Amino acid sequence: MKVLEDLYYGNINPYEKFFNRKSEYAKLAKIITENEEKITAFLNALPNSEEEQHLFSQMINAHSEITQFSEFVRFMEGFRLGASIMLETFVLPQQSVIRDIY
C-alpha cells in the first residue's frame, strides 16, 4: 500500500516529472513565456493601453485555464483506463483464452 499512502499524503506529484528541461516542450514553453513578456512590455509602454492590457491578460488567463482543464480531463481518462485494466485483470471472472479457442 505504499503508493496509496504516498498519494494520500501528497508525496506523489506527476507534475514534478512532467518534462525534461532540455526537451522540445521546454523550448516551446520558453518561447511562449518570452513572447508573453515582450507583448506585456509593449502594451505597458503604449499610452492609454489599459483596455488592450486587460484583453491580453484575459486571453492568457483563459488559455491557461482551458489548458489546465484539458490536462485534468486527459489525466482522468488515463486513470479510468488504468482502473478499467485493473478491474478486467483482477476482478472480472477469469476466462481461459485457450479454452475459448477450442
PDB file of N, CA and C in Angstrom:
ATOM      1  N   MET A   1       0.812  -1.201   0.000  1.00  0.00           N
ATOM      2  CA  MET A   1       0.000   0.000   0.000  1.00  0.00           C
ATOM      3  C   MET A   1       0.854   1.262   0.000  1.00  0.00           C
ATOM      4  N   LYS A   2       2.091   1.143  -0.334  1.00  0.00           N
ATOM      5  CA  LYS A   2       2.990   2.299  -0.338  1.00  0.00           C
ATOM      6  C   LYS A   2       2.521   3.380  -1.307  1.00  0.00           C
ATOM      7  N   VAL A   3       2.069   3.024  -2.494  1.00  0.00           N
ATOM      8  CA  VAL A   3       1.640   4.011  -3.484  1.00  0.00           C
ATOM      9  C   VAL A   3       0.409   4.762  -2.985  1.00  0.00           C
ATOM     10  N   LEU A   4      -0.579   4.043  -2.447  1.00  0.00           N
ATOM     11  CA  LEU A   4      -1.772   4.698  -1.924  1.00  0.00           C
ATOM     12  C   LEU A   4      -1.430   5.630  -0.765  1.00  0.00           C
ATOM     13  N   GLU A   5      -0.529   5.193   0.083  1.00  0.00           N
ATOM     14  CA  GLU A   5      -0.104   6.032   1.208  1.00  0.00           C
ATOM     15  C   GLU A   5       0.595   7.296   0.708  1.00  0.00           C
ATOM     16  N   ASP A   6       1.493   7.145  -0.241  1.00  0.00           N
ATOM     17  CA  ASP A   6       2.185   8.309  -0.808  1.00  0.00           C
ATOM     18  C   ASP A   6       1.203   9.250  -1.502  1.00  0.00           C
ATOM     19  N   LEU A   7       0.233   8.684  -2.202  1.00  0.00           N
ATOM     20  CA  LEU A   7      -0.775   9.503  -2.862  1.00  0.00           C
ATOM     21  C   LEU A   7      -1.598  10.267  -1.826  1.00  0.00           C
ATOM     22  N   TYR A   8      -2.001   9.589  -0.766  1.00  0.00           N
ATOM     23  CA  TYR A   8      -2.806  10.210   0.282  1.00  0.00           C
ATOM     24  C   TYR A   8      -2.068  11.367   0.948  1.00  0.00           C
ATOM     25  N   TYR A   9      -0.788  11.171   1.240  1.00  0.00           N
ATOM     26  CA  TYR A   9      -0.016  12.197   1.945  1.00  0.00           C
ATOM     27  C   TYR A   9       0.584  13.244   1.012  1.00  0.00           C
ATOM     28  N   GLY A  10       0.258  13.170  -0.266  1.00  0.00           N
ATOM     29  CA  GLY A  10       0.726  14.188  -1.201  1.00  0.00           C
ATOM     30  C   GLY A  10       2.175  14.039  -1.622  1.00  0.00           C
ATOM     31  N   ASN A  11       2.733  12.851  -1.460  1.00  0.00           N
ATOM     32  CA  ASN A  11       4.130  12.622  -1.831  1.00  0.00           C
ATOM     33  C   ASN A  11       4.304  12.298  -3.311  1.00  0.00           C
ATOM     34  N   ILE A  12       3.204  12.100  -4.011  1.00  0.00           N
ATOM     35  CA  ILE A  12       3.266  11.814  -5.444  1.00  0.00           C
ATOM     36  C   ILE A  12       2.759  13.046  -6.182  1.00  0.00           C
ATOM     37  N   ASN A  13       3.615  13.600  -7.015  1.00  0.00           N
ATOM     38  CA  ASN A  13       3.243  14.769  -7.801  1.00  0.00           C
ATOM     39  C   ASN A  13       3.698  14.559  -9.235  1.00  0.00           C
ATOM     40  N   PRO A  14       2.785  14.138 -10.116  1.00  0.00           N
ATOM     41  CA  PRO A  14       3.171  13.856 -11.504  1.00  0.00           C
ATOM     42  C   PRO A  14       3.758  15.060 -12.223  1.00  0.00           C
ATOM     43  N   TYR A  15       3.386  16.264 -11.805  1.00  0.00           N
ATOM     44  CA  TYR A  15       3.884  17.459 -12.488  1.00  0.00           C
ATOM     45  C   TYR A  15       5.375  17.672 -12.287  1.00  0.00           C
ATOM     46  N   GLU A  16       5.939  17.123 -11.215  1.00  0.00           N
ATOM     47  CA  GLU A  16       7.373  17.262 -10.985  1.00  0.00           C
ATOM     48  C   GLU A  16       8.181  16.530 -12.046  1.00  0.00           C
ATOM     49  N   LYS A  17       7.611  15.506 -12.627  1.00  0.00           N
ATOM     50  CA  LYS A  17       8.311  14.696 -13.621  1.00  0.00           C
ATOM     51  C   LYS A  17       7.723  14.915 -15.010  1.00  0.00           C
ATOM     52  N   PHE A  18       7.093  16.060 -15.207  1.00  0.00           N
ATOM     53  CA  PHE A  18       6.328  16.291 -16.419  1.00  0.00           C
ATOM     54  C   PHE A  18       7.175  16.344 -17.677  1.00  0.00           C
ATOM     55  N   PHE A  19       8.275  17.091 -17.666  1.00  0.00           N
ATOM     56  CA  PHE A  19       9.070  17.208 -18.878  1.00  0.00           C
ATOM     57  C   PHE A  19      10.524  17.492 -18.548  1.00  0.00           C
ATOM     58  N   ASN A  20      11.365  17.118 -19.483  1.00  0.00           N
ATOM     59  CA  ASN A  20      12.796  17.372 -19.390  1.00  0.00           C
ATOM     60  C   ASN A  20      13.046  18.834 -19.737  1.00  0.00           C
ATOM     61  N   ARG A  21      13.855  19.500 -18.956  1.00  0.00           N
ATOM     62  CA  ARG A  21      14.130  20.928 -19.161  1.00  0.00           C
ATOM     63  C   ARG A  21      14.812  21.218 -20.498  1.00  0.00           C
ATOM     64  N   LYS A  22      15.376  20.203 -21.128  1.00  0.00           N
ATOM     65  CA  LYS A  22      16.052  20.387 -22.411  1.00  0.00           C
ATOM     66  C   LYS A  22      15.208  19.867 -23.579  1.00  0.00           C
ATOM     67  N   SER A  23      13.976  19.519 -23.309  1.00  0.00           N
ATOM     68  CA  SER A  23      13.114  18.925 -24.334  1.00  0.00           C
ATOM     69  C   SER A  23      12.532  19.989 -25.263  1.00  0.00           C
ATOM     70  N   GLU A  24      11.907  19.508 -26.318  1.00  0.00           N
ATOM     71  CA  GLU A  24      11.218  20.401 -27.255  1.00  0.00           C
ATOM     72  C   GLU A  24      10.088  21.138 -26.541  1.00  0.00           C
ATOM     73  N   TYR A  25       9.422  20.454 -25.626  1.00  0.00           N
ATOM     74  CA  TYR A  25       8.349  21.077 -24.846  1.00  0.00           C
ATOM     75  C   TYR A  25       8.882  22.272 -24.074  1.00  0.00           C
ATOM     76  N   ALA A  26      10.025  22.102 -23.424  1.00  0.00           N
ATOM     77  CA  ALA A  26      10.621  23.191 -22.645  1.00  0.00           C
ATOM     78  C   ALA A  26      10.991  24.366 -23.540  1.00  0.00           C
ATOM     79  N   LYS A  27      11.505  24.078 -24.720  1.00  0.00           N
ATOM     80  CA  LYS A  27      11.859  25.151 -25.660  1.00  0.00           C
ATOM     81  C   LYS A  27      10.618  25.940 -26.071  1.00  0.00           C
ATOM     82  N   LEU A  28       9.546  25.229 -26.374  1.00  0.00           N
ATOM     83  CA  LEU A  28       8.305  25.898 -26.771  1.00  0.00           C
ATOM     84  C   LEU A  28       7.712  26.703 -25.614  1.00  0.00           C
ATOM     85  N   ALA A  29       7.761  26.145 -24.410  1.00  0.00           N
ATOM     86  CA  ALA A  29       7.260  26.865 -23.237  1.00  0.00           C
ATOM     87  C   ALA A  29       8.057  28.145 -23.007  1.00  0.00           C
ATOM     88  N   LYS A  30       9.355  28.073 -23.235  1.00  0.00           N
ATOM     89  CA  LYS A  30      10.206  29.260 -23.075  1.00  0.00           C
ATOM     90  C   LYS A  30       9.836  30.329 -24.099  1.00  0.00           C
ATOM     91  N   ILE A  31       9.575  29.926 -25.339  1.00  0.00           N
ATOM     92  CA  ILE A  31       9.166  30.875 -26.381  1.00  0.00           C
ATOM     93  C   ILE A  31       7.858  31.560 -25.985  1.00  0.00           C
ATOM     94  N   ILE A  32       6.913  30.788 -25.493  1.00  0.00           N
ATOM     95  CA  ILE A  32       5.630  31.355 -25.071  1.00  0.00           C
ATOM     96  C   ILE A  32       5.843  32.379 -23.965  1.00  0.00           C
ATOM     97  N   THR A  33       6.622  32.025 -22.960  1.00  0.00           N
ATOM     98  CA  THR A  33       6.872  32.925 -21.837  1.00  0.00           C
ATOM     99  C   THR A  33       7.571  34.197 -22.287  1.00  0.00           C
ATOM    100  N   GLU A  34       8.598  34.048 -23.104  1.00  0.00           N
ATOM    101  CA  GLU A  34       9.335  35.220 -23.582  1.00  0.00           C
ATOM    102  C   GLU A  34       8.437  36.139 -24.407  1.00  0.00           C
ATOM    103  N   ASN A  35       7.631  35.567 -25.288  1.00  0.00           N
ATOM    104  CA  ASN A  35       6.745  36.389 -26.114  1.00  0.00           C
ATOM    105  C   ASN A  35       5.655  37.060 -25.288  1.00  0.00           C
ATOM    106  N   GLU A  36       5.150  36.362 -24.300  1.00  0.00           N
ATOM    107  CA  GLU A  36       4.161  36.970 -23.413  1.00  0.00           C
ATOM    108  C   GLU A  36       4.763  38.172 -22.686  1.00  0.00           C
ATOM    109  N   GLU A  37       5.995  38.019 -22.209  1.00  0.00           N
ATOM    110  CA  GLU A  37       6.672  39.129 -21.531  1.00  0.00           C
ATOM    111  C   GLU A  37       6.909  40.305 -22.483  1.00  0.00           C
ATOM    112  N   LYS A  38       7.294  40.015 -23.720  1.00  0.00           N
ATOM    113  CA  LYS A  38       7.532  41.079 -24.706  1.00  0.00           C
ATOM    114  C   LYS A  38       6.242  41.827 -25.037  1.00  0.00           C
ATOM    115  N   ILE A  39       5.165  41.088 -25.243  1.00  0.00           N
ATOM    116  CA  ILE A  39       3.887  41.731 -25.566  1.00  0.00           C
ATOM    117  C   ILE A  39       3.399  42.561 -24.385  1.00  0.00           C
ATOM    118  N   THR A  40       3.543  42.038 -23.177  1.00  0.00           N
ATOM    119  CA  THR A  40       3.148  42.784 -21.987  1.00  0.00           C
ATOM    120  C   THR A  40       3.946  44.075 -21.873  1.00  0.00           C
ATOM    121  N   ALA A  41       5.256  43.997 -22.072  1.00  0.00           N
ATOM    122  CA  ALA A  41       6.102  45.195 -22.013  1.00  0.00           C
ATOM    123  C   ALA A  41       5.697  46.192 -23.101  1.00  0.00           C
ATOM    124  N   PHE A  42       5.416  45.697 -24.293  1.00  0.00           N
ATOM    125  CA  PHE A  42       4.994  46.564 -25.395  1.00  0.00           C
ATOM    126  C   PHE A  42       3.694  47.284 -25.042  1.00  0.00           C
ATOM    127  N   LEU A  43       2.722  46.533 -24.526  1.00  0.00           N
ATOM    128  CA  LEU A  43       1.441  47.139 -24.165  1.00  0.00           C
ATOM    129  C   LEU A  43       1.590  48.128 -23.017  1.00  0.00           C
ATOM    130  N   ASN A  44       2.459  47.819 -22.064  1.00  0.00           N
ATOM    131  CA  ASN A  44       2.684  48.727 -20.941  1.00  0.00           C
ATOM    132  C   ASN A  44       3.307  50.039 -21.393  1.00  0.00           C
ATOM    133  N   ALA A  45       4.077  49.997 -22.462  1.00  0.00           N
ATOM    134  CA  ALA A  45       4.751  51.201 -22.964  1.00  0.00           C
ATOM    135  C   ALA A  45       3.809  52.103 -23.761  1.00  0.00           C
ATOM    136  N   LEU A  46       2.703  51.570 -24.219  1.00  0.00           N
ATOM    137  CA  LEU A  46       1.757  52.366 -25.002  1.00  0.00           C
ATOM    138  C   LEU A  46       0.911  53.247 -24.090  1.00  0.00           C
ATOM    139  N   PRO A  47       0.682  54.481 -24.505  1.00  0.00           N
ATOM    140  CA  PRO A  47      -0.218  55.329 -23.707  1.00  0.00           C
ATOM    141  C   PRO A  47      -1.666  54.853 -23.872  1.00  0.00           C
ATOM    142  N   ASN A  48      -2.412  54.945 -22.808  1.00  0.00           N
ATOM    143  CA  ASN A  48      -3.842  54.591 -22.825  1.00  0.00           C
ATOM    144  C   ASN A  48      -4.103  53.177 -23.352  1.00  0.00           C
ATOM    145  N   SER A  49      -3.304  52.229 -22.925  1.00  0.00           N
ATOM    146  CA  SER A  49      -3.464  50.853 -23.422  1.00  0.00           C
ATOM    147  C   SER A  49      -4.052  49.915 -22.369  1.00  0.00           C
ATOM    148  N   GLU A  50      -4.733  50.490 -21.385  1.00  0.00           N
ATOM    149  CA  GLU A  50      -5.284  49.663 -20.307  1.00  0.00           C
ATOM    150  C   GLU A  50      -6.247  48.604 -20.836  1.00  0.00           C
ATOM    151  N   GLU A  51      -7.080  48.984 -21.797  1.00  0.00           N
ATOM    152  CA  GLU A  51      -8.040  48.018 -22.338  1.00  0.00           C
ATOM    153  C   GLU A  51      -7.329  46.877 -23.060  1.00  0.00           C
ATOM    154  N   GLU A  52      -6.305  47.197 -23.849  1.00  0.00           N
ATOM    155  CA  GLU A  52      -5.540  46.170 -24.557  1.00  0.00           C
ATOM    156  C   GLU A  52      -4.800  45.267 -23.573  1.00  0.00           C
ATOM    157  N   GLN A  53      -4.239  45.866 -22.518  1.00  0.00           N
ATOM    158  CA  GLN A  53      -3.556  45.077 -21.486  1.00  0.00           C
ATOM    159  C   GLN A  53      -4.542  44.113 -20.828  1.00  0.00           C
ATOM    160  N   HIS A  54      -5.726  44.630 -20.528  1.00  0.00           N
ATOM    161  CA  HIS A  54      -6.750  43.806 -19.892  1.00  0.00           C
ATOM    162  C   HIS A  54      -7.186  42.661 -20.814  1.00  0.00           C
ATOM    163  N   LEU A  55      -7.395  42.959 -22.087  1.00  0.00           N
ATOM    164  CA  LEU A  55      -7.786  41.922 -23.047  1.00  0.00           C
ATOM    165  C   LEU A  55      -6.705  40.852 -23.185  1.00  0.00           C
ATOM    166  N   PHE A  56      -5.451  41.285 -23.256  1.00  0.00           N
ATOM    167  CA  PHE A  56      -4.347  40.332 -23.369  1.00  0.00           C
ATOM    168  C   PHE A  56      -4.268  39.465 -22.117  1.00  0.00           C
ATOM    169  N   SER A  57      -4.417  40.090 -20.957  1.00  0.00           N
ATOM    170  CA  SER A  57      -4.386  39.344 -19.696  1.00  0.00           C
ATOM    171  C   SER A  57      -5.530  38.333 -19.633  1.00  0.00           C
ATOM    172  N   GLN A  58      -6.718  38.740 -20.057  1.00  0.00           N
ATOM    173  CA  GLN A  58      -7.858  37.820 -20.079  1.00  0.00           C
ATOM    174  C   GLN A  58      -7.600  36.642 -21.011  1.00  0.00           C
ATOM    175  N   MET A  59      -7.019  36.933 -22.173  1.00  0.00           N
ATOM    176  CA  MET A  59      -6.733  35.869 -23.132  1.00  0.00           C
ATOM    177  C   MET A  59      -5.730  34.872 -22.543  1.00  0.00           C
ATOM    178  N   ILE A  60      -4.663  35.374 -21.944  1.00  0.00           N
ATOM    179  CA  ILE A  60      -3.647  34.500 -21.347  1.00  0.00           C
ATOM    180  C   ILE A  60      -4.263  33.660 -20.228  1.00  0.00           C
ATOM    181  N   ASN A  61      -5.063  34.285 -19.372  1.00  0.00           N
ATOM    182  CA  ASN A  61      -5.688  33.557 -18.266  1.00  0.00           C
ATOM    183  C   ASN A  61      -6.666  32.495 -18.766  1.00  0.00           C
ATOM    184  N   ALA A  62      -7.474  32.838 -19.774  1.00  0.00           N
ATOM    185  CA  ALA A  62      -8.425  31.868 -20.325  1.00  0.00           C
ATOM    186  C   ALA A  62      -7.690  30.701 -20.971  1.00  0.00           C
ATOM    187  N   HIS A  63      -6.620  30.995 -21.689  1.00  0.00           N
ATOM    188  CA  HIS A  63      -5.829  29.928 -22.317  1.00  0.00           C
ATOM    189  C   HIS A  63      -5.234  29.008 -21.250  1.00  0.00           C
ATOM    190  N   SER A  64      -4.739  29.596 -20.176  1.00  0.00           N
ATOM    191  CA  SER A  64      -4.168  28.802 -19.083  1.00  0.00           C
ATOM    192  C   SER A  64      -5.231  27.908 -18.451  1.00  0.00           C
ATOM    193  N   GLU A  65      -6.408  28.455 -18.216  1.00  0.00           N
ATOM    194  CA  GLU A  65      -7.485  27.675 -17.606  1.00  0.00           C
ATOM    195  C   GLU A  65      -7.935  26.525 -18.501  1.00  0.00           C
ATOM    196  N   ILE A  66      -8.084  26.794 -19.790  1.00  0.00           N
ATOM    197  CA  ILE A  66      -8.530  25.728 -20.696  1.00  0.00           C
ATOM    198  C   ILE A  66      -7.459  24.655 -20.831  1.00  0.00           C
ATOM    199  N   THR A  67      -6.194  25.048 -20.786  1.00  0.00           N
ATOM    200  CA  THR A  67      -5.101  24.072 -20.834  1.00  0.00           C
ATOM    201  C   THR A  67      -5.126  23.192 -19.589  1.00  0.00           C
ATOM    202  N   GLN A  68      -5.299  23.808 -18.414  1.00  0.00           N
ATOM    203  CA  GLN A  68      -5.373  23.034 -17.172  1.00  0.00           C
ATOM    204  C   GLN A  68      -6.568  22.086 -17.187  1.00  0.00           C
ATOM    205  N   PHE A  69      -7.702  22.563 -17.683  1.00  0.00           N
ATOM    206  CA  PHE A  69      -8.889  21.719 -17.763  1.00  0.00           C
ATOM    207  C   PHE A  69      -8.640  20.528 -18.682  1.00  0.00           C
ATOM    208  N   SER A  70      -8.026  20.785 -19.835  1.00  0.00           N
ATOM    209  CA  SER A  70      -7.724  19.705 -20.783  1.00  0.00           C
ATOM    210  C   SER A  70      -6.774  18.686 -20.170  1.00  0.00           C
ATOM    211  N   GLU A  71      -5.765  19.163 -19.443  1.00  0.00           N
ATOM    212  CA  GLU A  71      -4.828  18.252 -18.787  1.00  0.00           C
ATOM    213  C   GLU A  71      -5.546  17.402 -17.747  1.00  0.00           C
ATOM    214  N   PHE A  72      -6.461  18.017 -16.998  1.00  0.00           N
ATOM    215  CA  PHE A  72      -7.215  17.285 -15.984  1.00  0.00           C
ATOM    216  C   PHE A  72      -8.066  16.193 -16.629  1.00  0.00           C
ATOM    217  N   VAL A  73      -8.743  16.538 -17.726  1.00  0.00           N
ATOM    218  CA  VAL A  73      -9.590  15.555 -18.422  1.00  0.00           C
ATOM    219  C   VAL A  73      -8.742  14.396 -18.933  1.00  0.00           C
ATOM    220  N   ARG A  74      -7.579  14.695 -19.519  1.00  0.00           N
ATOM    221  CA  ARG A  74      -6.695  13.622 -20.004  1.00  0.00           C
ATOM    222  C   ARG A  74      -6.202  12.763 -18.842  1.00  0.00           C
ATOM    223  N   PHE A  75      -5.880  13.385 -17.711  1.00  0.00           N
ATOM    224  CA  PHE A  75      -5.446  12.639 -16.534  1.00  0.00           C
ATOM    225  C   PHE A  75      -6.554  11.699 -16.067  1.00  0.00           C
ATOM    226  N   MET A  76      -7.774  12.220 -15.981  1.00  0.00           N
ATOM    227  CA  MET A  76      -8.897  11.396 -15.528  1.00  0.00           C
ATOM    228  C   MET A  76      -9.160  10.240 -16.487  1.00  0.00           C
ATOM    229  N   GLU A  77      -9.090  10.497 -17.781  1.00  0.00           N
ATOM    230  CA  GLU A  77      -9.311   9.425 -18.754  1.00  0.00           C
ATOM    231  C   GLU A  77      -8.219   8.361 -18.642  1.00  0.00           C
ATOM    232  N   GLY A  78      -6.991   8.783 -18.439  1.00  0.00           N
ATOM    233  CA  GLY A  78      -5.896   7.833 -18.245  1.00  0.00           C
ATOM    234  C   GLY A  78      -6.088   7.018 -16.979  1.00  0.00           C
ATOM    235  N   PHE A  79      -6.524   7.682 -15.915  1.00  0.00           N
ATOM    236  CA  PHE A  79      -6.766   6.997 -14.651  1.00  0.00           C
ATOM    237  C   PHE A  79      -7.903   5.987 -14.810  1.00  0.00           C
ATOM    238  N   ARG A  80      -8.958   6.392 -15.497  1.00  0.00           N
ATOM    239  CA  ARG A  80     -10.087   5.474 -15.737  1.00  0.00           C
ATOM    240  C   ARG A  80      -9.659   4.271 -16.567  1.00  0.00           C
ATOM    241  N   LEU A  81      -8.846   4.520 -17.576  1.00  0.00           N
ATOM    242  CA  LEU A  81      -8.350   3.421 -18.400  1.00  0.00           C
ATOM    243  C   LEU A  81      -7.531   2.454 -17.548  1.00  0.00           C
ATOM    244  N   GLY A  82      -6.650   2.993 -16.714  1.00  0.00           N
ATOM    245  CA  GLY A  82      -5.844   2.145 -15.832  1.00  0.00           C
ATOM    246  C   GLY A  82      -6.714   1.349 -14.872  1.00  0.00           C
ATOM    247  N   ALA A  83      -7.724   2.004 -14.309  1.00  0.00           N
ATOM    248  CA  ALA A  83      -8.635   1.311 -13.398  1.00  0.00           C
ATOM    249  C   ALA A  83      -9.418   0.228 -14.136  1.00  0.00           C
ATOM    250  N   SER A  84      -9.819   0.506 -15.360  1.00  0.00           N
ATOM    251  CA  SER A  84     -10.541  -0.499 -16.155  1.00  0.00           C
ATOM    252  C   SER A  84      -9.660  -1.708 -16.440  1.00  0.00           C
ATOM    253  N   ILE A  85      -8.405  -1.453 -16.738  1.00  0.00           N
ATOM    254  CA  ILE A  85      -7.466  -2.556 -16.974  1.00  0.00           C
ATOM    255  C   ILE A  85      -7.315  -3.393 -15.711  1.00  0.00           C
ATOM    256  N   MET A  86      -7.178  -2.731 -14.562  1.00  0.00           N
ATOM    257  CA  MET A  86      -7.042  -3.460 -13.293  1.00  0.00           C
ATOM    258  C   MET A  86      -8.309  -4.262 -13.001  1.00  0.00           C
ATOM    259  N   LEU A  87      -9.464  -3.647 -13.225  1.00  0.00           N
ATOM    260  CA  LEU A  87     -10.728  -4.332 -12.990  1.00  0.00           C
ATOM    261  C   LEU A  87     -10.844  -5.566 -13.870  1.00  0.00           C
ATOM    262  N   GLU A  88     -10.541  -5.393 -15.139  1.00  0.00           N
ATOM    263  CA  GLU A  88     -10.633  -6.505 -16.080  1.00  0.00           C
ATOM    264  C   GLU A  88      -9.637  -7.604 -15.733  1.00  0.00           C
ATOM    265  N   THR A  89      -8.473  -7.217 -15.276  1.00  0.00           N
ATOM    266  CA  THR A  89      -7.417  -8.187 -14.993  1.00  0.00           C
ATOM    267  C   THR A  89      -7.648  -8.956 -13.698  1.00  0.00           C
ATOM    268  N   PHE A  90      -8.067  -8.255 -12.637  1.00  0.00           N
ATOM    269  CA  PHE A  90      -8.091  -8.889 -11.324  1.00  0.00           C
ATOM    270  C   PHE A  90      -9.480  -9.161 -10.752  1.00  0.00           C
ATOM    271  N   VAL A  91     -10.519  -8.510 -11.243  1.00  0.00           N
ATOM    272  CA  VAL A  91     -11.820  -8.639 -10.602  1.00  0.00           C
ATOM    273  C   VAL A  91     -12.818  -9.419 -11.445  1.00  0.00           C
ATOM    274  N   LEU A  92     -12.888  -9.140 -12.720  1.00  0.00           N
ATOM    275  CA  LEU A  92     -13.867  -9.815 -13.564  1.00  0.00           C
ATOM    276  C   LEU A  92     -13.566 -11.306 -13.626  1.00  0.00           C
ATOM    277  N   PRO A  93     -14.590 -12.112 -13.853  1.00  0.00           N
ATOM    278  CA  PRO A  93     -14.375 -13.566 -13.889  1.00  0.00           C
ATOM    279  C   PRO A  93     -13.248 -13.943 -14.852  1.00  0.00           C
ATOM    280  N   GLN A  94     -12.407 -14.818 -14.360  1.00  0.00           N
ATOM    281  CA  GLN A  94     -11.270 -15.259 -15.171  1.00  0.00           C
ATOM    282  C   GLN A  94     -11.759 -16.221 -16.246  1.00  0.00           C
ATOM    283  N   GLN A  95     -11.303 -15.988 -17.449  1.00  0.00           N
ATOM    284  CA  GLN A  95     -11.631 -16.884 -18.552  1.00  0.00           C
ATOM    285  C   GLN A  95     -10.331 -17.328 -19.186  1.00  0.00           C
ATOM    286  N   SER A  96     -10.303 -18.558 -19.553  1.00  0.00           N
ATOM    287  CA  SER A  96      -9.121 -19.077 -20.222  1.00  0.00           C
ATOM    288  C   SER A  96      -9.225 -18.789 -21.709  1.00  0.00           C
ATOM    289  N   VAL A  97      -8.274 -18.054 -22.217  1.00  0.00           N
ATOM    290  CA  VAL A  97      -8.262 -17.740 -23.643  1.00  0.00           C
ATOM    291  C   VAL A  97      -8.113 -19.020 -24.451  1.00  0.00           C
ATOM    292  N   ILE A  98      -7.271 -19.907 -23.999  1.00  0.00           N
ATOM    293  CA  ILE A  98      -7.040 -21.164 -24.716  1.00  0.00           C
ATOM    294  C   ILE A  98      -8.319 -21.997 -24.743  1.00  0.00           C
ATOM    295  N   ARG A  99      -9.028 -22.051 -23.624  1.00  0.00           N
ATOM    296  CA  ARG A  99     -10.259 -22.831 -23.552  1.00  0.00           C
ATOM    297  C   ARG A  99     -11.311 -22.266 -24.510  1.00  0.00           C
ATOM    298  N   ASP A 100     -11.361 -20.940 -24.655  1.00  0.00           N
ATOM    299  CA  ASP A 100     -12.340 -20.309 -25.537  1.00  0.00           C
ATOM    300  C   ASP A 100     -12.043 -20.573 -27.006  1.00  0.00           C
ATOM    301  N   ILE A 101     -10.798 -20.823 -27.342  1.00  0.00           N
ATOM    302  CA  ILE A 101     -10.424 -21.064 -28.733  1.00  0.00           C
ATOM    303  C   ILE A 101     -10.899 -22.438 -29.179  1.00  0.00           C
ATOM    304  N   TYR A 102     -10.823 -23.434 -28.312  1.00  0.00           N
ATOM    305  CA  TYR A 102     -11.167 -24.804 -28.695  1.00  0.00           C
ATOM    306  C   TYR A 102     -12.615 -25.050 -28.535  1.00  0.00           C
TER     307      TYR A 102
END
